[in-house]
Amino acid sequence: LMEALVPAIIAGPNYPRQAVREAKEGRAVSCFIVDGRGEISRPGIIELTDEVFREATLGAVARSRFRSRGDDSAPMPACRSFKYELRIAG
């Protein structure tokens, strides 16, 4: 069995201002590699409903970290899904 990746910091995306102005909602899925120290590398987008969400998604992935499994642990693939929804405050 593979050892589970345990999140240490799961950053949320900043809703793009352009998407707010245009009342856009959407979804994105990013996959990446997690090394033994829990750091993320080679993030990519595998699903994206609108280009306006690309930068926010990759930014959230870049700010995230996983719990260290030891420096010599083999890198592991992982993915995160993001849902962009506008909500009315009140």
C-alpha atoms as a PDB file:
ATOM      1  CA  LEU A   1       0.000   0.000   0.000  1.00  0.00           C
ATOM      2  CA  MET A   2       1.086   3.555  -0.695  1.00  0.00           C
ATOM      3  CA  GLU A   3       1.533   5.915   2.210  1.00  0.00           C
ATOM      4  CA  ALA A   4      -1.185   8.578   2.273  1.00  0.00           C
ATOM      5  CA  LEU A   5      -0.321  12.202   1.643  1.00  0.00           C
ATOM      6  CA  VAL A   6      -1.375  14.295   4.632  1.00  0.00           C
ATOM      7  CA  PRO A   7      -2.074  17.992   4.007  1.00  0.00           C
ATOM      8  CA  ALA A   8      -0.199  20.490   6.175  1.00  0.00           C
ATOM      9  CA  ILE A   9      -1.317  23.716   4.459  1.00  0.00           C
ATOM     10  CA  ILE A  10      -4.210  23.694   2.014  1.00  0.00           C
ATOM     11  CA  ALA A  11      -4.431  27.146   0.489  1.00  0.00           C
ATOM     12  CA  GLY A  12      -7.609  28.322  -1.135  1.00  0.00           C
ATOM     13  CA  PRO A  13      -7.617  30.227  -4.395  1.00  0.00           C
ATOM     14  CA  ASN A  14      -8.241  33.952  -4.643  1.00  0.00           C
ATOM     15  CA  TYR A  15     -11.385  34.420  -6.728  1.00  0.00           C
ATOM     16  CA  PRO A  16     -10.260  36.254  -9.884  1.00  0.00           C
ATOM     17  CA  ARG A  17     -11.595  39.822 -10.038  1.00  0.00           C
ATOM     18  CA  GLN A  18     -12.365  39.420 -13.724  1.00  0.00           C
ATOM     19  CA  ALA A  19     -14.524  36.388 -12.917  1.00  0.00           C
ATOM     20  CA  VAL A  20     -16.396  38.389 -10.271  1.00  0.00           C
ATOM     21  CA  ARG A  21     -16.985  41.280 -12.691  1.00  0.00           C
ATOM     22  CA  GLU A  22     -18.257  38.863 -15.345  1.00  0.00           C
ATOM     23  CA  ALA A  23     -20.231  36.743 -12.819  1.00  0.00           C
ATOM     24  CA  LYS A  24     -18.333  33.606 -13.859  1.00  0.00           C
ATOM     25  CA  GLU A  25     -18.307  30.368 -11.912  1.00  0.00           C
ATOM     26  CA  GLY A  26     -16.323  27.285 -12.756  1.00  0.00           C
ATOM     27  CA  ARG A  27     -14.152  24.354 -11.858  1.00  0.00           C
ATOM     28  CA  ALA A  28     -10.480  23.449 -12.115  1.00  0.00           C
ATOM     29  CA  VAL A  29      -8.420  20.341 -11.389  1.00  0.00           C
ATOM     30  CA  SER A  30      -4.671  20.547 -10.876  1.00  0.00           C
ATOM     31  CA  CYS A  31      -2.266  17.618 -10.595  1.00  0.00           C
ATOM     32  CA  PHE A  32       1.290  17.842  -9.282  1.00  0.00           C
ATOM     33  CA  ILE A  33       4.142  15.931  -7.633  1.00  0.00           C
ATOM     34  CA  VAL A  34       4.723  15.927  -3.850  1.00  0.00           C
ATOM     35  CA  ASP A  35       8.290  15.195  -2.742  1.00  0.00           C
ATOM     36  CA  GLY A  36       9.354  13.586   0.536  1.00  0.00           C
ATOM     37  CA  ARG A  37       9.576  16.993   2.244  1.00  0.00           C
ATOM     38  CA  GLY A  38       5.928  17.687   1.369  1.00  0.00           C
ATOM     39  CA  GLU A  39       6.737  20.331  -1.230  1.00  0.00           C
ATOM     40  CA  ILE A  40       4.847  20.565  -4.497  1.00  0.00           C
ATOM     41  CA  SER A  41       6.464  20.645  -7.924  1.00  0.00           C
ATOM     42  CA  ARG A  42       5.384  20.437 -11.560  1.00  0.00           C
ATOM     43  CA  PRO A  43       1.807  21.660 -11.062  1.00  0.00           C
ATOM     44  CA  GLY A  44      -0.400  21.461 -14.104  1.00  0.00           C
ATOM     45  CA  ILE A  45      -4.030  21.916 -15.009  1.00  0.00           C
ATOM     46  CA  ILE A  46      -5.913  18.878 -16.279  1.00  0.00           C
ATOM     47  CA  GLU A  47      -9.425  20.351 -16.238  1.00  0.00           C
ATOM     48  CA  LEU A  48     -10.469  23.975 -16.531  1.00  0.00           C
ATOM     49  CA  THR A  49     -13.890  25.403 -17.342  1.00  0.00           C
ATOM     50  CA  ASP A  50     -12.531  28.891 -18.105  1.00  0.00           C
ATOM     51  CA  GLU A  51      -9.021  30.327 -18.514  1.00  0.00           C
ATOM     52  CA  VAL A  52      -9.853  33.046 -15.985  1.00  0.00           C
ATOM     53  CA  PHE A  53      -9.391  30.439 -13.198  1.00  0.00           C
ATOM     54  CA  ARG A  54      -5.945  29.122 -14.278  1.00  0.00           C
ATOM     55  CA  GLU A  55      -3.706  31.569 -12.364  1.00  0.00           C
ATOM     56  CA  ALA A  56      -5.797  31.409  -9.164  1.00  0.00           C
ATOM     57  CA  THR A  57      -5.716  27.610  -9.220  1.00  0.00           C
ATOM     58  CA  LEU A  58      -1.965  27.364  -9.762  1.00  0.00           C
ATOM     59  CA  GLY A  59      -1.400  30.019  -7.082  1.00  0.00           C
ATOM     60  CA  ALA A  60      -3.369  28.036  -4.508  1.00  0.00           C
ATOM     61  CA  VAL A  61      -1.453  24.868  -5.358  1.00  0.00           C
ATOM     62  CA  ALA A  62       1.880  26.726  -5.036  1.00  0.00           C
ATOM     63  CA  ARG A  63       0.952  27.980  -1.533  1.00  0.00           C
ATOM     64  CA  SER A  64      -0.058  24.492  -0.321  1.00  0.00           C
ATOM     65  CA  ARG A  65       2.163  21.964   1.458  1.00  0.00           C
ATOM     66  CA  PHE A  66       1.915  18.376   2.660  1.00  0.00           C
ATOM     67  CA  ARG A  67       3.344  16.741   5.778  1.00  0.00           C
ATOM     68  CA  SER A  68       6.925  15.541   5.327  1.00  0.00           C
ATOM     69  CA  ARG A  69       7.401  11.821   4.765  1.00  0.00           C
ATOM     70  CA  GLY A  70      11.200  12.055   4.986  1.00  0.00           C
ATOM     71  CA  ASP A  71      13.682  13.490   2.492  1.00  0.00           C
ATOM     72  CA  ASP A  72      14.366  10.098   0.899  1.00  0.00           C
ATOM     73  CA  SER A  73      10.682   9.240   0.314  1.00  0.00           C
ATOM     74  CA  ALA A  74       9.739   8.721  -3.302  1.00  0.00           C
ATOM     75  CA  PRO A  75       7.834  11.568  -4.973  1.00  0.00           C
ATOM     76  CA  MET A  76       4.101  10.929  -5.247  1.00  0.00           C
ATOM     77  CA  PRO A  77       1.500  12.276  -7.667  1.00  0.00           C
ATOM     78  CA  ALA A  78      -1.526  14.104  -6.279  1.00  0.00           C
ATOM     79  CA  CYS A  79      -4.434  16.205  -7.541  1.00  0.00           C
ATOM     80  CA  ARG A  80      -6.712  18.903  -6.136  1.00  0.00           C
ATOM     81  CA  SER A  81     -10.081  20.017  -7.340  1.00  0.00           C
ATOM     82  CA  PHE A  82     -11.316  23.618  -7.056  1.00  0.00           C
ATOM     83  CA  LYS A  83     -14.879  24.847  -7.400  1.00  0.00           C
ATOM     84  CA  TYR A  84     -15.416  28.547  -8.041  1.00  0.00           C
ATOM     85  CA  GLU A  85     -18.845  29.725  -6.912  1.00  0.00           C
ATOM     86  CA  LEU A  86     -20.131  33.229  -6.385  1.00  0.00           C
ATOM     87  CA  ARG A  87     -22.067  33.739  -3.161  1.00  0.00           C
ATOM     88  CA  ILE A  88     -24.239  36.616  -2.137  1.00  0.00           C
ATOM     89  CA  ALA A  89     -23.221  38.000   1.258  1.00  0.00           C
ATOM     90  CA  GLY A  90     -25.906  38.591   3.761  1.00  0.00           C
END
